[in-house]
Amino acid sequence: MGITVTGAVDVFSLKPLTAEELTAGEKANADFRDTLNSKQLLTELQKGGYVIYFRHASTEKDYADQVSATMGNCSTQRTLSEKGWQEARMIGKAFNYYSIPVGEVISSQYCRAWQTADLAFGRYVKNSALNFPKAEDYTDEQLAMMKTQLMPMLTKLPPQGMNTVIVGHDDLFEATTGIYPDPQGMAYVVQPDGAGGFRLVANMLPSDWIDLNR
């Protein structure tokens, strides 16, 4: 469960990246260690009380489309690949198999996010607060805005006995936590503390969910 990174890959050169070449967010993702083992995490999730933040499942290509994308028009955006469709369905099957209770399912307005939510959970509510700013290089103000928009969702306690699912993007999560969630489909399990804060207890690849009880 989770990930162990010995060398990330530069998708343009296909050369392994050394630790020195990772960004701070990528390094934080690589260095993250779960605080619960698989069975403990399953038990906790079955009780409810967590927020699960998913980066959308895999897309056909990986490129920045936040400037050119038009909400409501999937042809202007990156869309899920066949692999992404399979990842999302696999996540949903695992949640059903293990009877992990899900309350709210919140998605950005990007097609790849709400499609991930729909394939995995069969329902979602779009929230523009999960969208990217229309820029490729963010200003300090835009980074602060992303954190301001996401923090209330990560710190809000779910209804008793339920978990909240958020399907969003990499940059908002990094702006809020300092962690760049990679690869696509990566999820972080968040435990709100009820006092405006939270802790991260685990990260999960799409293929990790079905193995929770092993």
N, C-alpha and C. Protein backbone atom coordinates (compact mmCIF):
# COMPACT_ATOMS: atom_id res chain seq x y z
N MET A 1 0.84 -1.19 0.00
CA MET A 1 0.00 0.00 0.00
C MET A 1 0.87 1.23 0.00
N GLY A 2 0.36 2.35 -0.59
CA GLY A 2 1.19 3.53 -0.67
C GLY A 2 2.22 3.35 -1.76
N ILE A 3 3.24 4.18 -1.79
CA ILE A 3 4.24 4.09 -2.83
C ILE A 3 5.63 4.17 -2.25
N THR A 4 6.55 3.52 -2.90
CA THR A 4 7.96 3.67 -2.61
C THR A 4 8.62 4.11 -3.90
N VAL A 5 9.23 5.28 -3.91
CA VAL A 5 9.82 5.83 -5.12
C VAL A 5 11.33 5.75 -5.04
N THR A 6 11.92 5.03 -5.96
CA THR A 6 13.38 4.98 -6.03
C THR A 6 13.91 5.90 -7.10
N GLY A 7 13.05 6.30 -8.01
CA GLY A 7 13.45 7.24 -9.05
C GLY A 7 12.26 7.56 -9.90
N ALA A 8 11.73 8.77 -9.80
CA ALA A 8 10.61 9.16 -10.65
C ALA A 8 11.11 9.27 -12.08
N VAL A 9 10.18 9.37 -13.03
CA VAL A 9 10.57 9.39 -14.44
C VAL A 9 10.15 10.70 -15.07
N ASP A 10 11.06 11.30 -15.81
CA ASP A 10 10.77 12.48 -16.61
C ASP A 10 10.09 12.00 -17.89
N VAL A 11 8.79 12.33 -18.07
CA VAL A 11 8.04 11.76 -19.19
C VAL A 11 8.52 12.27 -20.53
N PHE A 12 9.31 13.34 -20.54
CA PHE A 12 9.78 13.87 -21.81
C PHE A 12 11.09 13.20 -22.23
N SER A 13 12.00 12.98 -21.28
CA SER A 13 13.29 12.39 -21.62
C SER A 13 13.36 10.91 -21.29
N LEU A 14 12.38 10.44 -20.47
CA LEU A 14 12.36 9.06 -20.00
C LEU A 14 13.63 8.70 -19.24
N LYS A 15 14.27 9.70 -18.63
CA LYS A 15 15.43 9.46 -17.80
C LYS A 15 15.02 9.52 -16.33
N PRO A 16 15.54 8.62 -15.48
CA PRO A 16 15.18 8.68 -14.06
C PRO A 16 15.60 10.01 -13.46
N LEU A 17 14.73 10.53 -12.60
CA LEU A 17 15.06 11.75 -11.88
C LEU A 17 15.74 11.39 -10.57
N THR A 18 16.81 12.07 -10.26
CA THR A 18 17.46 11.85 -8.97
C THR A 18 16.70 12.61 -7.91
N ALA A 19 16.99 12.29 -6.65
CA ALA A 19 16.33 12.97 -5.54
C ALA A 19 16.55 14.47 -5.61
N GLU A 20 17.74 14.87 -6.10
CA GLU A 20 18.05 16.29 -6.18
C GLU A 20 17.20 17.01 -7.22
N GLU A 21 16.69 16.25 -8.22
CA GLU A 21 15.90 16.87 -9.29
C GLU A 21 14.42 16.92 -8.98
N LEU A 22 13.97 16.24 -7.95
CA LEU A 22 12.56 16.28 -7.57
C LEU A 22 12.22 17.65 -7.00
N THR A 23 11.02 18.13 -7.28
CA THR A 23 10.56 19.34 -6.61
C THR A 23 10.27 19.01 -5.15
N ALA A 24 10.07 20.03 -4.35
CA ALA A 24 9.77 19.81 -2.93
C ALA A 24 8.50 18.99 -2.78
N GLY A 25 7.49 19.29 -3.60
CA GLY A 25 6.23 18.55 -3.51
C GLY A 25 6.37 17.11 -3.93
N GLU A 26 7.16 16.86 -4.99
CA GLU A 26 7.40 15.49 -5.43
C GLU A 26 8.18 14.70 -4.39
N LYS A 27 9.13 15.35 -3.76
CA LYS A 27 9.91 14.68 -2.71
C LYS A 27 9.04 14.36 -1.51
N ALA A 28 8.15 15.28 -1.15
CA ALA A 28 7.24 15.03 -0.02
C ALA A 28 6.34 13.84 -0.32
N ASN A 29 5.90 13.70 -1.56
CA ASN A 29 5.09 12.56 -1.97
C ASN A 29 5.89 11.27 -1.89
N ALA A 30 7.13 11.31 -2.38
CA ALA A 30 7.98 10.12 -2.37
C ALA A 30 8.34 9.69 -0.95
N ASP A 31 8.51 10.67 -0.07
CA ASP A 31 8.95 10.38 1.30
C ASP A 31 7.80 10.04 2.24
N PHE A 32 6.55 10.24 1.81
CA PHE A 32 5.41 10.03 2.70
C PHE A 32 5.33 8.58 3.15
N ARG A 33 5.05 8.38 4.43
CA ARG A 33 4.89 7.03 4.98
C ARG A 33 3.53 6.94 5.67
N ASP A 34 2.81 5.86 5.38
CA ASP A 34 1.51 5.64 6.01
C ASP A 34 1.65 5.50 7.52
N THR A 35 0.65 5.97 8.24
CA THR A 35 0.66 5.82 9.70
C THR A 35 -0.15 4.60 10.14
N LEU A 36 -0.88 3.98 9.21
CA LEU A 36 -1.66 2.78 9.50
C LEU A 36 -1.32 1.72 8.48
N ASN A 37 -1.33 0.45 8.90
CA ASN A 37 -1.16 -0.61 7.90
C ASN A 37 -2.50 -0.83 7.18
N SER A 38 -2.49 -1.70 6.20
CA SER A 38 -3.67 -1.87 5.35
C SER A 38 -4.92 -2.25 6.13
N LYS A 39 -4.81 -3.23 7.00
CA LYS A 39 -5.98 -3.69 7.74
C LYS A 39 -6.47 -2.63 8.71
N GLN A 40 -5.54 -1.91 9.34
CA GLN A 40 -5.94 -0.83 10.24
C GLN A 40 -6.67 0.27 9.47
N LEU A 41 -6.16 0.60 8.30
CA LEU A 41 -6.79 1.63 7.49
C LEU A 41 -8.19 1.20 7.08
N LEU A 42 -8.35 -0.05 6.67
CA LEU A 42 -9.67 -0.54 6.28
C LEU A 42 -10.65 -0.42 7.44
N THR A 43 -10.23 -0.83 8.62
CA THR A 43 -11.09 -0.74 9.80
C THR A 43 -11.51 0.69 10.07
N GLU A 44 -10.56 1.61 9.97
CA GLU A 44 -10.86 3.02 10.20
C GLU A 44 -11.83 3.57 9.15
N LEU A 45 -11.59 3.24 7.90
CA LEU A 45 -12.46 3.75 6.84
C LEU A 45 -13.87 3.18 6.96
N GLN A 46 -13.99 1.96 7.41
CA GLN A 46 -15.32 1.37 7.60
C GLN A 46 -16.08 2.05 8.73
N LYS A 47 -15.36 2.66 9.66
CA LYS A 47 -16.00 3.43 10.73
C LYS A 47 -16.47 4.79 10.24
N GLY A 48 -15.78 5.33 9.24
CA GLY A 48 -16.08 6.66 8.74
C GLY A 48 -15.26 7.72 9.44
N GLY A 49 -15.45 8.97 9.02
CA GLY A 49 -14.77 10.08 9.65
C GLY A 49 -13.58 10.62 8.88
N TYR A 50 -13.38 10.14 7.64
CA TYR A 50 -12.21 10.55 6.86
C TYR A 50 -12.62 11.28 5.59
N VAL A 51 -11.70 12.07 5.09
CA VAL A 51 -11.84 12.70 3.78
C VAL A 51 -10.80 12.04 2.87
N ILE A 52 -11.23 11.55 1.74
CA ILE A 52 -10.33 10.87 0.81
C ILE A 52 -10.20 11.74 -0.43
N TYR A 53 -9.00 12.27 -0.62
CA TYR A 53 -8.74 13.16 -1.76
C TYR A 53 -8.08 12.38 -2.88
N PHE A 54 -8.78 12.25 -3.98
CA PHE A 54 -8.25 11.58 -5.17
C PHE A 54 -7.77 12.60 -6.18
N ARG A 55 -6.58 12.41 -6.70
CA ARG A 55 -6.25 13.03 -7.97
C ARG A 55 -6.95 12.19 -9.03
N HIS A 56 -7.55 12.82 -10.01
CA HIS A 56 -8.28 12.10 -11.06
C HIS A 56 -7.45 10.94 -11.62
N ALA A 57 -8.13 9.96 -12.20
CA ALA A 57 -7.47 8.79 -12.78
C ALA A 57 -6.68 9.19 -14.04
N SER A 58 -5.97 8.23 -14.60
CA SER A 58 -5.04 8.48 -15.71
C SER A 58 -5.73 9.04 -16.95
N THR A 59 -5.03 9.96 -17.61
CA THR A 59 -5.56 10.58 -18.82
C THR A 59 -4.76 10.14 -20.05
N GLU A 60 -5.31 10.43 -21.23
CA GLU A 60 -4.65 10.06 -22.49
C GLU A 60 -3.27 10.68 -22.58
N LYS A 61 -3.18 11.95 -22.23
CA LYS A 61 -1.91 12.66 -22.23
C LYS A 61 -1.81 13.44 -20.93
N ASP A 62 -0.60 13.86 -20.58
CA ASP A 62 -0.41 14.65 -19.37
C ASP A 62 0.19 15.99 -19.76
N TYR A 63 -0.64 16.99 -19.78
CA TYR A 63 -0.18 18.34 -20.11
C TYR A 63 -1.08 19.35 -19.41
N ALA A 64 -0.59 20.54 -19.23
CA ALA A 64 -1.35 21.59 -18.56
C ALA A 64 -2.42 22.13 -19.50
N ASP A 65 -3.69 22.01 -19.10
CA ASP A 65 -4.78 22.51 -19.94
C ASP A 65 -5.62 23.55 -19.24
N GLN A 66 -5.14 24.04 -18.09
CA GLN A 66 -5.98 24.93 -17.31
C GLN A 66 -6.23 26.28 -17.98
N VAL A 67 -5.35 26.69 -18.89
CA VAL A 67 -5.56 27.97 -19.59
C VAL A 67 -6.56 27.79 -20.73
N SER A 68 -6.43 26.69 -21.47
CA SER A 68 -7.25 26.49 -22.67
C SER A 68 -8.57 25.78 -22.41
N ALA A 69 -8.71 25.12 -21.27
CA ALA A 69 -9.90 24.31 -21.02
C ALA A 69 -11.15 25.17 -20.84
N THR A 70 -12.24 24.70 -21.43
CA THR A 70 -13.55 25.31 -21.24
C THR A 70 -14.41 24.33 -20.45
N MET A 71 -14.92 24.76 -19.30
CA MET A 71 -15.75 23.87 -18.51
C MET A 71 -17.03 23.53 -19.28
N GLY A 72 -17.39 22.25 -19.26
CA GLY A 72 -18.56 21.80 -19.99
C GLY A 72 -18.26 21.33 -21.40
N ASN A 73 -17.01 21.47 -21.81
CA ASN A 73 -16.60 21.03 -23.15
C ASN A 73 -15.39 20.12 -23.01
N CYS A 74 -15.64 18.83 -22.98
CA CYS A 74 -14.56 17.87 -22.74
C CYS A 74 -13.53 17.86 -23.86
N SER A 75 -13.91 18.30 -25.05
CA SER A 75 -12.97 18.29 -26.17
C SER A 75 -11.85 19.30 -25.99
N THR A 76 -12.00 20.24 -25.06
CA THR A 76 -10.95 21.23 -24.80
C THR A 76 -10.06 20.83 -23.64
N GLN A 77 -10.28 19.63 -23.10
CA GLN A 77 -9.59 19.20 -21.89
C GLN A 77 -8.92 17.85 -22.08
N ARG A 78 -7.98 17.55 -21.18
CA ARG A 78 -7.48 16.18 -21.09
C ARG A 78 -8.62 15.29 -20.63
N THR A 79 -8.70 14.11 -21.21
CA THR A 79 -9.76 13.18 -20.83
C THR A 79 -9.17 11.86 -20.37
N LEU A 80 -9.98 11.09 -19.69
CA LEU A 80 -9.50 9.81 -19.16
C LEU A 80 -9.12 8.86 -20.29
N SER A 81 -8.05 8.12 -20.07
CA SER A 81 -7.65 7.05 -20.97
C SER A 81 -8.40 5.78 -20.59
N GLU A 82 -8.24 4.75 -21.39
CA GLU A 82 -8.83 3.46 -21.04
C GLU A 82 -8.30 2.99 -19.69
N LYS A 83 -7.00 3.22 -19.46
CA LYS A 83 -6.42 2.88 -18.16
C LYS A 83 -7.12 3.64 -17.05
N GLY A 84 -7.40 4.91 -17.28
CA GLY A 84 -8.08 5.72 -16.28
C GLY A 84 -9.48 5.21 -15.97
N TRP A 85 -10.21 4.82 -17.01
CA TRP A 85 -11.54 4.24 -16.80
C TRP A 85 -11.44 2.98 -15.93
N GLN A 86 -10.46 2.15 -16.23
CA GLN A 86 -10.29 0.92 -15.45
C GLN A 86 -9.91 1.22 -14.01
N GLU A 87 -9.03 2.21 -13.81
CA GLU A 87 -8.63 2.59 -12.46
C GLU A 87 -9.83 3.05 -11.64
N ALA A 88 -10.64 3.91 -12.23
CA ALA A 88 -11.79 4.45 -11.50
C ALA A 88 -12.78 3.34 -11.14
N ARG A 89 -13.04 2.46 -12.08
CA ARG A 89 -13.96 1.35 -11.79
C ARG A 89 -13.39 0.43 -10.72
N MET A 90 -12.08 0.21 -10.75
CA MET A 90 -11.43 -0.65 -9.76
C MET A 90 -11.57 -0.05 -8.36
N ILE A 91 -11.42 1.26 -8.26
CA ILE A 91 -11.58 1.94 -6.97
C ILE A 91 -13.00 1.74 -6.46
N GLY A 92 -13.98 1.96 -7.33
CA GLY A 92 -15.37 1.81 -6.92
C GLY A 92 -15.70 0.39 -6.48
N LYS A 93 -15.17 -0.59 -7.19
CA LYS A 93 -15.42 -1.99 -6.82
C LYS A 93 -14.85 -2.29 -5.44
N ALA A 94 -13.67 -1.74 -5.14
CA ALA A 94 -13.06 -1.97 -3.83
C ALA A 94 -13.89 -1.35 -2.72
N PHE A 95 -14.38 -0.15 -2.92
CA PHE A 95 -15.22 0.50 -1.90
C PHE A 95 -16.48 -0.32 -1.66
N ASN A 96 -17.09 -0.84 -2.72
CA ASN A 96 -18.27 -1.67 -2.56
C ASN A 96 -17.94 -2.99 -1.87
N TYR A 97 -16.86 -3.60 -2.29
CA TYR A 97 -16.47 -4.91 -1.75
C TYR A 97 -16.22 -4.83 -0.25
N TYR A 98 -15.55 -3.77 0.19
CA TYR A 98 -15.20 -3.64 1.60
C TYR A 98 -16.23 -2.84 2.40
N SER A 99 -17.33 -2.48 1.76
CA SER A 99 -18.39 -1.72 2.43
C SER A 99 -17.85 -0.47 3.13
N ILE A 100 -17.05 0.29 2.40
CA ILE A 100 -16.54 1.56 2.91
C ILE A 100 -17.61 2.62 2.67
N PRO A 101 -18.16 3.19 3.73
CA PRO A 101 -19.28 4.13 3.57
C PRO A 101 -18.83 5.47 3.00
N VAL A 102 -19.56 5.95 2.02
CA VAL A 102 -19.24 7.22 1.37
C VAL A 102 -20.45 8.13 1.43
N GLY A 103 -20.25 9.33 1.93
CA GLY A 103 -21.30 10.33 1.95
C GLY A 103 -21.17 11.22 0.73
N GLU A 104 -20.69 12.44 0.95
CA GLU A 104 -20.52 13.37 -0.16
C GLU A 104 -19.43 12.90 -1.13
N VAL A 105 -19.67 13.10 -2.41
CA VAL A 105 -18.65 12.92 -3.44
C VAL A 105 -18.57 14.25 -4.19
N ILE A 106 -17.45 14.92 -4.06
CA ILE A 106 -17.28 16.26 -4.61
C ILE A 106 -16.21 16.21 -5.70
N SER A 107 -16.48 16.84 -6.82
CA SER A 107 -15.56 16.81 -7.95
C SER A 107 -15.33 18.22 -8.47
N SER A 108 -14.18 18.41 -9.10
CA SER A 108 -13.99 19.65 -9.86
C SER A 108 -14.89 19.61 -11.08
N GLN A 109 -14.91 20.70 -11.84
CA GLN A 109 -15.74 20.75 -13.04
C GLN A 109 -15.04 20.17 -14.27
N TYR A 110 -13.78 19.78 -14.11
CA TYR A 110 -13.05 19.20 -15.24
C TYR A 110 -13.59 17.80 -15.53
N CYS A 111 -13.68 17.47 -16.82
CA CYS A 111 -14.27 16.20 -17.22
C CYS A 111 -13.54 15.01 -16.61
N ARG A 112 -12.22 15.05 -16.57
CA ARG A 112 -11.46 13.91 -16.05
C ARG A 112 -11.73 13.68 -14.57
N ALA A 113 -12.10 14.73 -13.85
CA ALA A 113 -12.39 14.59 -12.42
C ALA A 113 -13.79 14.03 -12.20
N TRP A 114 -14.79 14.65 -12.82
CA TRP A 114 -16.14 14.14 -12.57
C TRP A 114 -16.37 12.78 -13.20
N GLN A 115 -15.67 12.49 -14.30
CA GLN A 115 -15.78 11.14 -14.87
C GLN A 115 -15.18 10.10 -13.93
N THR A 116 -14.06 10.44 -13.29
CA THR A 116 -13.48 9.53 -12.29
C THR A 116 -14.47 9.29 -11.16
N ALA A 117 -15.08 10.36 -10.66
CA ALA A 117 -16.06 10.23 -9.58
C ALA A 117 -17.26 9.40 -10.01
N ASP A 118 -17.74 9.63 -11.22
CA ASP A 118 -18.91 8.92 -11.70
C ASP A 118 -18.63 7.44 -11.89
N LEU A 119 -17.49 7.11 -12.48
CA LEU A 119 -17.15 5.71 -12.71
C LEU A 119 -16.92 4.97 -11.40
N ALA A 120 -16.34 5.64 -10.42
CA ALA A 120 -16.02 4.99 -9.15
C ALA A 120 -17.22 4.92 -8.21
N PHE A 121 -17.99 6.01 -8.14
CA PHE A 121 -19.01 6.11 -7.09
C PHE A 121 -20.43 6.32 -7.62
N GLY A 122 -20.56 6.55 -8.92
CA GLY A 122 -21.88 6.65 -9.51
C GLY A 122 -22.60 7.95 -9.24
N ARG A 123 -21.94 8.90 -8.60
CA ARG A 123 -22.57 10.18 -8.28
C ARG A 123 -21.49 11.18 -7.91
N TYR A 124 -21.83 12.43 -8.00
CA TYR A 124 -20.87 13.48 -7.66
C TYR A 124 -21.60 14.82 -7.70
N VAL A 125 -21.03 15.78 -7.01
CA VAL A 125 -21.46 17.18 -7.10
C VAL A 125 -20.25 17.98 -7.53
N LYS A 126 -20.39 18.73 -8.61
CA LYS A 126 -19.28 19.55 -9.09
C LYS A 126 -19.12 20.79 -8.21
N ASN A 127 -17.87 21.15 -7.97
CA ASN A 127 -17.57 22.34 -7.17
C ASN A 127 -16.43 23.09 -7.85
N SER A 128 -16.70 24.30 -8.28
CA SER A 128 -15.69 25.08 -9.01
C SER A 128 -14.50 25.44 -8.14
N ALA A 129 -14.64 25.33 -6.82
CA ALA A 129 -13.51 25.62 -5.92
C ALA A 129 -12.37 24.64 -6.11
N LEU A 130 -12.65 23.49 -6.75
CA LEU A 130 -11.62 22.49 -7.00
C LEU A 130 -10.94 22.69 -8.36
N ASN A 131 -11.36 23.69 -9.11
CA ASN A 131 -10.76 23.96 -10.42
C ASN A 131 -9.41 24.66 -10.28
N PHE A 132 -8.60 24.51 -11.32
CA PHE A 132 -7.34 25.26 -11.40
C PHE A 132 -7.60 26.75 -11.63
N PRO A 133 -6.72 27.62 -11.16
CA PRO A 133 -6.70 28.98 -11.70
C PRO A 133 -6.28 28.90 -13.18
N LYS A 134 -6.68 29.86 -13.97
CA LYS A 134 -6.34 29.85 -15.40
C LYS A 134 -4.93 30.39 -15.61
N ALA A 135 -3.96 29.60 -15.22
CA ALA A 135 -2.55 29.98 -15.36
C ALA A 135 -1.72 28.71 -15.31
N GLU A 136 -0.53 28.76 -15.90
CA GLU A 136 0.40 27.64 -15.81
C GLU A 136 1.46 27.87 -14.74
N ASP A 137 1.86 29.13 -14.59
CA ASP A 137 2.80 29.50 -13.52
C ASP A 137 2.03 30.34 -12.52
N TYR A 138 1.84 29.78 -11.33
CA TYR A 138 0.97 30.43 -10.36
C TYR A 138 1.69 31.53 -9.59
N THR A 139 0.94 32.58 -9.31
CA THR A 139 1.44 33.63 -8.42
C THR A 139 1.25 33.18 -6.98
N ASP A 140 1.89 33.87 -6.06
CA ASP A 140 1.69 33.56 -4.64
C ASP A 140 0.22 33.72 -4.26
N GLU A 141 -0.43 34.70 -4.85
CA GLU A 141 -1.84 34.93 -4.56
C GLU A 141 -2.70 33.77 -5.04
N GLN A 142 -2.38 33.22 -6.20
CA GLN A 142 -3.15 32.09 -6.72
C GLN A 142 -2.91 30.84 -5.88
N LEU A 143 -1.68 30.62 -5.45
CA LEU A 143 -1.40 29.48 -4.57
C LEU A 143 -2.17 29.62 -3.26
N ALA A 144 -2.19 30.82 -2.71
CA ALA A 144 -2.93 31.06 -1.46
C ALA A 144 -4.42 30.85 -1.67
N MET A 145 -4.93 31.26 -2.83
CA MET A 145 -6.34 31.09 -3.14
C MET A 145 -6.71 29.61 -3.22
N MET A 146 -5.85 28.79 -3.86
CA MET A 146 -6.12 27.36 -3.95
C MET A 146 -6.18 26.74 -2.56
N LYS A 147 -5.28 27.14 -1.69
CA LYS A 147 -5.29 26.61 -0.32
C LYS A 147 -6.54 27.05 0.42
N THR A 148 -6.91 28.30 0.26
CA THR A 148 -8.10 28.83 0.91
C THR A 148 -9.35 28.08 0.46
N GLN A 149 -9.39 27.70 -0.82
CA GLN A 149 -10.57 27.01 -1.35
C GLN A 149 -10.63 25.54 -0.92
N LEU A 150 -9.48 24.88 -0.81
CA LEU A 150 -9.49 23.45 -0.50
C LEU A 150 -9.52 23.16 0.99
N MET A 151 -8.89 24.01 1.79
CA MET A 151 -8.80 23.73 3.23
C MET A 151 -10.15 23.42 3.89
N PRO A 152 -11.20 24.19 3.63
CA PRO A 152 -12.47 23.87 4.29
C PRO A 152 -12.99 22.48 3.96
N MET A 153 -12.68 21.98 2.77
CA MET A 153 -13.14 20.64 2.40
C MET A 153 -12.35 19.55 3.12
N LEU A 154 -11.05 19.79 3.29
CA LEU A 154 -10.20 18.79 3.96
C LEU A 154 -10.41 18.78 5.47
N THR A 155 -10.87 19.87 6.02
CA THR A 155 -11.00 19.97 7.48
C THR A 155 -12.43 19.72 7.96
N LYS A 156 -13.38 19.64 7.03
CA LYS A 156 -14.78 19.43 7.41
C LYS A 156 -15.01 17.98 7.81
N LEU A 157 -15.53 17.78 9.01
CA LEU A 157 -15.83 16.42 9.47
C LEU A 157 -17.00 15.85 8.68
N PRO A 158 -16.87 14.64 8.16
CA PRO A 158 -18.00 14.01 7.47
C PRO A 158 -19.12 13.68 8.46
N PRO A 159 -20.33 13.45 7.98
CA PRO A 159 -21.39 12.96 8.86
C PRO A 159 -20.95 11.68 9.55
N GLN A 160 -21.46 11.45 10.74
CA GLN A 160 -21.05 10.27 11.51
C GLN A 160 -21.25 8.99 10.70
N GLY A 161 -20.21 8.17 10.70
CA GLY A 161 -20.28 6.89 9.99
C GLY A 161 -20.05 6.98 8.50
N MET A 162 -19.65 8.14 8.02
CA MET A 162 -19.44 8.33 6.59
C MET A 162 -18.04 8.87 6.31
N ASN A 163 -17.60 8.70 5.08
CA ASN A 163 -16.38 9.33 4.58
C ASN A 163 -16.75 10.26 3.43
N THR A 164 -16.02 11.33 3.30
CA THR A 164 -16.21 12.26 2.19
C THR A 164 -15.16 11.97 1.12
N VAL A 165 -15.57 11.96 -0.12
CA VAL A 165 -14.65 11.76 -1.25
C VAL A 165 -14.55 13.06 -2.04
N ILE A 166 -13.32 13.45 -2.32
CA ILE A 166 -13.04 14.60 -3.18
C ILE A 166 -12.23 14.10 -4.37
N VAL A 167 -12.65 14.46 -5.57
CA VAL A 167 -11.88 14.11 -6.77
C VAL A 167 -11.43 15.42 -7.42
N GLY A 168 -10.14 15.65 -7.38
CA GLY A 168 -9.62 16.92 -7.86
C GLY A 168 -8.32 16.76 -8.63
N HIS A 169 -7.39 17.65 -8.34
CA HIS A 169 -6.19 17.76 -9.16
C HIS A 169 -4.94 17.88 -8.29
N ASP A 170 -3.81 17.83 -8.95
CA ASP A 170 -2.54 17.82 -8.24
C ASP A 170 -2.20 19.16 -7.59
N ASP A 171 -2.33 20.25 -8.33
CA ASP A 171 -1.81 21.53 -7.86
C ASP A 171 -2.54 22.05 -6.62
N LEU A 172 -3.85 21.84 -6.55
CA LEU A 172 -4.58 22.32 -5.37
C LEU A 172 -4.13 21.58 -4.11
N PHE A 173 -3.93 20.27 -4.25
CA PHE A 173 -3.50 19.49 -3.10
C PHE A 173 -2.11 19.90 -2.66
N GLU A 174 -1.23 20.13 -3.64
CA GLU A 174 0.13 20.55 -3.29
C GLU A 174 0.13 21.93 -2.64
N ALA A 175 -0.69 22.83 -3.15
CA ALA A 175 -0.76 24.17 -2.58
C ALA A 175 -1.22 24.14 -1.13
N THR A 176 -2.02 23.13 -0.78
CA THR A 176 -2.61 23.04 0.56
C THR A 176 -1.75 22.24 1.52
N THR A 177 -1.11 21.18 1.02
CA THR A 177 -0.38 20.25 1.90
C THR A 177 1.12 20.25 1.70
N GLY A 178 1.59 20.80 0.58
CA GLY A 178 3.01 20.72 0.25
C GLY A 178 3.39 19.42 -0.43
N ILE A 179 2.40 18.56 -0.70
CA ILE A 179 2.65 17.26 -1.32
C ILE A 179 2.05 17.24 -2.72
N TYR A 180 2.87 16.85 -3.70
CA TYR A 180 2.39 16.71 -5.08
C TYR A 180 1.92 15.27 -5.27
N PRO A 181 0.61 15.04 -5.42
CA PRO A 181 0.09 13.67 -5.47
C PRO A 181 0.34 13.03 -6.83
N ASP A 182 1.25 12.10 -6.88
CA ASP A 182 1.66 11.49 -8.14
C ASP A 182 1.82 10.00 -7.94
N PRO A 183 1.40 9.15 -8.87
CA PRO A 183 0.90 9.43 -10.21
C PRO A 183 -0.58 9.78 -10.21
N GLN A 184 -1.15 9.93 -11.41
CA GLN A 184 -2.57 10.16 -11.52
C GLN A 184 -3.32 8.99 -10.89
N GLY A 185 -4.42 9.30 -10.23
CA GLY A 185 -5.17 8.28 -9.51
C GLY A 185 -4.75 8.14 -8.06
N MET A 186 -3.66 8.79 -7.67
CA MET A 186 -3.20 8.76 -6.28
C MET A 186 -4.26 9.36 -5.37
N ALA A 187 -4.44 8.75 -4.21
CA ALA A 187 -5.34 9.29 -3.19
C ALA A 187 -4.59 9.48 -1.89
N TYR A 188 -4.98 10.49 -1.15
CA TYR A 188 -4.50 10.68 0.22
C TYR A 188 -5.69 10.61 1.16
N VAL A 189 -5.53 9.85 2.23
CA VAL A 189 -6.57 9.72 3.25
C VAL A 189 -6.31 10.75 4.33
N VAL A 190 -7.28 11.61 4.54
CA VAL A 190 -7.15 12.77 5.42
C VAL A 190 -8.06 12.58 6.63
N GLN A 191 -7.52 12.85 7.81
CA GLN A 191 -8.32 12.77 9.04
C GLN A 191 -8.51 14.18 9.61
N PRO A 192 -9.69 14.78 9.43
CA PRO A 192 -9.95 16.08 10.03
C PRO A 192 -9.94 15.97 11.55
N ASP A 193 -9.43 17.01 12.23
CA ASP A 193 -9.35 16.93 13.69
C ASP A 193 -10.49 17.64 14.39
N GLY A 194 -11.41 18.22 13.62
CA GLY A 194 -12.55 18.90 14.23
C GLY A 194 -12.23 20.28 14.77
N ALA A 195 -10.99 20.71 14.60
CA ALA A 195 -10.58 22.02 15.11
C ALA A 195 -9.95 22.86 14.01
N GLY A 196 -10.29 22.56 12.77
CA GLY A 196 -9.77 23.33 11.65
C GLY A 196 -8.48 22.81 11.06
N GLY A 197 -8.04 21.65 11.52
CA GLY A 197 -6.81 21.05 11.00
C GLY A 197 -7.06 19.62 10.54
N PHE A 198 -6.03 18.96 10.12
CA PHE A 198 -6.14 17.57 9.68
C PHE A 198 -4.76 16.93 9.70
N ARG A 199 -4.75 15.60 9.61
CA ARG A 199 -3.50 14.89 9.40
C ARG A 199 -3.68 13.90 8.27
N LEU A 200 -2.61 13.63 7.57
CA LEU A 200 -2.62 12.67 6.48
C LEU A 200 -2.20 11.32 7.03
N VAL A 201 -3.04 10.31 6.82
CA VAL A 201 -2.75 9.00 7.42
C VAL A 201 -2.27 7.96 6.42
N ALA A 202 -2.56 8.15 5.14
CA ALA A 202 -2.14 7.14 4.15
C ALA A 202 -2.24 7.72 2.75
N ASN A 203 -1.44 7.16 1.84
CA ASN A 203 -1.68 7.43 0.42
C ASN A 203 -1.90 6.11 -0.29
N MET A 204 -2.66 6.15 -1.37
CA MET A 204 -3.12 4.94 -2.03
C MET A 204 -3.06 5.08 -3.54
N LEU A 205 -2.47 4.09 -4.20
CA LEU A 205 -2.58 3.98 -5.64
C LEU A 205 -3.92 3.33 -5.98
N PRO A 206 -4.42 3.48 -7.20
CA PRO A 206 -5.68 2.83 -7.55
C PRO A 206 -5.69 1.33 -7.27
N SER A 207 -4.57 0.67 -7.53
CA SER A 207 -4.49 -0.78 -7.33
C SER A 207 -4.38 -1.18 -5.87
N ASP A 208 -4.11 -0.23 -4.98
CA ASP A 208 -3.98 -0.55 -3.56
C ASP A 208 -5.32 -0.82 -2.88
N TRP A 209 -6.39 -0.24 -3.41
CA TRP A 209 -7.67 -0.31 -2.69
C TRP A 209 -8.18 -1.74 -2.54
N ILE A 210 -8.06 -2.53 -3.58
CA ILE A 210 -8.59 -3.89 -3.51
C ILE A 210 -7.78 -4.77 -2.57
N ASP A 211 -6.56 -4.34 -2.22
CA ASP A 211 -5.68 -5.13 -1.34
C ASP A 211 -5.73 -4.67 0.11
N LEU A 212 -6.72 -3.87 0.47
CA LEU A 212 -6.76 -3.28 1.82
C LEU A 212 -6.77 -4.32 2.93
N ASN A 213 -7.35 -5.47 2.70
CA ASN A 213 -7.48 -6.45 3.79
C ASN A 213 -6.38 -7.50 3.75
N ARG A 214 -5.29 -7.22 3.04
CA ARG A 214 -4.21 -8.22 2.90
C ARG A 214 -2.98 -7.79 3.68
